[in-house]
Amino acid sequence: MKSLKEGDRSLLDNSMVLFGSSLKCGNRHQEENLPILLAGRGKGTLRPGRRVRAAVKTPFCNLHLAMMHRMGVKDESFGDSTGVLGGLA
């Protein structure tokens, strides 16, 4: 993706690639401390190359809502979100 050009940026620069799951341990149904990878720059709306830790009990859907806003979808909520996840830019 980094080598594919889209205008003056790469495909990776224009993308948001999310890798992870909504459960940390399927047997225990653990929904906290999820190992999530978010790659790309989202057309300059994300600052990559670092670790971001959300507050305890932050719903995973807060990240989804933040990504939706970056794509132009300005819904007020998504799933069990409590707001937009901050600290991504």
C-alpha atoms as a PDB file:
ATOM      1  CA  MET A   1       0.000   0.000   0.000  1.00  0.00           C
ATOM      2  CA  LYS A   2       2.910   2.314   0.705  1.00  0.00           C
ATOM      3  CA  SER A   3       4.225   1.999  -2.857  1.00  0.00           C
ATOM      4  CA  LEU A   4       0.872   2.623  -4.590  1.00  0.00           C
ATOM      5  CA  LYS A   5       0.325   6.290  -5.419  1.00  0.00           C
ATOM      6  CA  GLU A   6      -3.008   8.055  -5.012  1.00  0.00           C
ATOM      7  CA  GLY A   7      -2.463  11.579  -6.226  1.00  0.00           C
ATOM      8  CA  ASP A   8       0.369  13.137  -4.212  1.00  0.00           C
ATOM      9  CA  ARG A   9       0.102  10.538  -1.399  1.00  0.00           C
ATOM     10  CA  SER A  10       0.358   6.778  -1.096  1.00  0.00           C
ATOM     11  CA  LEU A  11      -2.607   4.446  -0.661  1.00  0.00           C
ATOM     12  CA  LEU A  12      -1.394   3.798   2.916  1.00  0.00           C
ATOM     13  CA  ASP A  13      -1.361   7.544   3.661  1.00  0.00           C
ATOM     14  CA  ASN A  14      -4.984   7.783   2.520  1.00  0.00           C
ATOM     15  CA  SER A  15      -6.149   4.655   4.367  1.00  0.00           C
ATOM     16  CA  MET A  16      -7.081   3.453   7.838  1.00  0.00           C
ATOM     17  CA  VAL A  17      -6.485  -0.276   8.304  1.00  0.00           C
ATOM     18  CA  LEU A  18      -7.864  -1.744  11.535  1.00  0.00           C
ATOM     19  CA  PHE A  19      -6.668  -5.152  12.745  1.00  0.00           C
ATOM     20  CA  GLY A  20      -7.966  -6.694  15.922  1.00  0.00           C
ATOM     21  CA  SER A  21     -10.990  -8.149  17.619  1.00  0.00           C
ATOM     22  CA  SER A  22     -13.709  -7.036  20.005  1.00  0.00           C
ATOM     23  CA  LEU A  23     -12.710  -9.837  22.408  1.00  0.00           C
ATOM     24  CA  LYS A  24      -9.281 -10.286  23.979  1.00  0.00           C
ATOM     25  CA  CYS A  25     -10.045 -13.851  25.055  1.00  0.00           C
ATOM     26  CA  GLY A  26     -12.981 -15.625  23.439  1.00  0.00           C
ATOM     27  CA  ASN A  27     -13.205 -18.277  26.164  1.00  0.00           C
ATOM     28  CA  ARG A  28     -13.574 -15.667  28.900  1.00  0.00           C
ATOM     29  CA  HIS A  29     -15.348 -13.034  26.789  1.00  0.00           C
ATOM     30  CA  GLN A  30     -12.838 -10.407  27.921  1.00  0.00           C
ATOM     31  CA  GLU A  31     -13.647  -7.072  26.308  1.00  0.00           C
ATOM     32  CA  GLU A  32     -10.933  -4.933  27.929  1.00  0.00           C
ATOM     33  CA  ASN A  33      -7.282  -4.226  27.028  1.00  0.00           C
ATOM     34  CA  LEU A  34      -7.812  -5.220  23.419  1.00  0.00           C
ATOM     35  CA  PRO A  35      -4.718  -5.592  21.234  1.00  0.00           C
ATOM     36  CA  ILE A  36      -5.692  -3.384  18.277  1.00  0.00           C
ATOM     37  CA  LEU A  37      -3.535  -2.212  15.378  1.00  0.00           C
ATOM     38  CA  LEU A  38      -4.572   0.854  13.392  1.00  0.00           C
ATOM     39  CA  ALA A  39      -2.317   1.555  10.414  1.00  0.00           C
ATOM     40  CA  GLY A  40      -2.274   4.352   7.853  1.00  0.00           C
ATOM     41  CA  ARG A  41      -2.665   8.102   8.092  1.00  0.00           C
ATOM     42  CA  GLY A  42      -6.346   8.496   7.224  1.00  0.00           C
ATOM     43  CA  LYS A  43      -5.596  11.346   4.777  1.00  0.00           C
ATOM     44  CA  GLY A  44      -3.517  13.090   7.436  1.00  0.00           C
ATOM     45  CA  THR A  45      -6.063  12.704  10.266  1.00  0.00           C
ATOM     46  CA  LEU A  46      -4.060  10.025  12.123  1.00  0.00           C
ATOM     47  CA  ARG A  47      -0.584  10.200  13.617  1.00  0.00           C
ATOM     48  CA  PRO A  48       0.942   6.718  13.252  1.00  0.00           C
ATOM     49  CA  GLY A  49       3.973   5.080  14.819  1.00  0.00           C
ATOM     50  CA  ARG A  50       3.006   5.228  18.478  1.00  0.00           C
ATOM     51  CA  ARG A  51       0.987   3.478  21.144  1.00  0.00           C
ATOM     52  CA  VAL A  52      -2.306   5.007  22.265  1.00  0.00           C
ATOM     53  CA  ARG A  53      -3.903   3.753  25.475  1.00  0.00           C
ATOM     54  CA  ALA A  54      -7.563   4.521  26.021  1.00  0.00           C
ATOM     55  CA  ALA A  55      -8.979   5.002  29.506  1.00  0.00           C
ATOM     56  CA  VAL A  56     -10.216   1.903  31.331  1.00  0.00           C
ATOM     57  CA  LYS A  57     -13.727   0.824  30.239  1.00  0.00           C
ATOM     58  CA  THR A  58     -13.555   2.816  26.960  1.00  0.00           C
ATOM     59  CA  PRO A  59     -15.851   1.054  24.461  1.00  0.00           C
ATOM     60  CA  PHE A  60     -14.188  -0.295  21.309  1.00  0.00           C
ATOM     61  CA  CYS A  61     -16.978   1.419  19.359  1.00  0.00           C
ATOM     62  CA  ASN A  62     -15.454   4.794  20.329  1.00  0.00           C
ATOM     63  CA  LEU A  63     -12.595   3.958  17.955  1.00  0.00           C
ATOM     64  CA  HIS A  64     -15.061   2.945  15.244  1.00  0.00           C
ATOM     65  CA  LEU A  65     -16.923   6.236  15.701  1.00  0.00           C
ATOM     66  CA  ALA A  66     -13.664   8.207  15.447  1.00  0.00           C
ATOM     67  CA  MET A  67     -12.818   6.386  12.223  1.00  0.00           C
ATOM     68  CA  MET A  68     -16.307   7.016  10.833  1.00  0.00           C
ATOM     69  CA  HIS A  69     -15.962  10.753  11.512  1.00  0.00           C
ATOM     70  CA  ARG A  70     -12.655  10.746   9.600  1.00  0.00           C
ATOM     71  CA  MET A  71     -14.501   9.170   6.646  1.00  0.00           C
ATOM     72  CA  GLY A  72     -17.150  11.885   6.681  1.00  0.00           C
ATOM     73  CA  VAL A  73     -19.853   9.883   8.482  1.00  0.00           C
ATOM     74  CA  LYS A  74     -20.891  12.252  11.291  1.00  0.00           C
ATOM     75  CA  ASP A  75     -23.186   9.951  13.281  1.00  0.00           C
ATOM     76  CA  GLU A  76     -23.503  10.793  16.977  1.00  0.00           C
ATOM     77  CA  SER A  77     -23.078   7.195  18.131  1.00  0.00           C
ATOM     78  CA  PHE A  78     -22.162   3.726  16.940  1.00  0.00           C
ATOM     79  CA  GLY A  79     -22.943   0.539  18.850  1.00  0.00           C
ATOM     80  CA  ASP A  80     -22.169   1.103  22.529  1.00  0.00           C
ATOM     81  CA  SER A  81     -19.960   4.161  21.932  1.00  0.00           C
ATOM     82  CA  THR A  82     -19.864   6.900  24.543  1.00  0.00           C
ATOM     83  CA  GLY A  83     -18.102   9.396  22.283  1.00  0.00           C
ATOM     84  CA  VAL A  84     -15.264   9.723  19.804  1.00  0.00           C
ATOM     85  CA  LEU A  85     -11.937   8.194  20.862  1.00  0.00           C
ATOM     86  CA  GLY A  86      -9.400  10.990  21.213  1.00  0.00           C
ATOM     87  CA  GLY A  87      -5.632  11.002  20.908  1.00  0.00           C
ATOM     88  CA  LEU A  88      -5.434   9.628  17.371  1.00  0.00           C
ATOM     89  CA  ALA A  89      -4.191  12.788  15.648  1.00  0.00           C
END
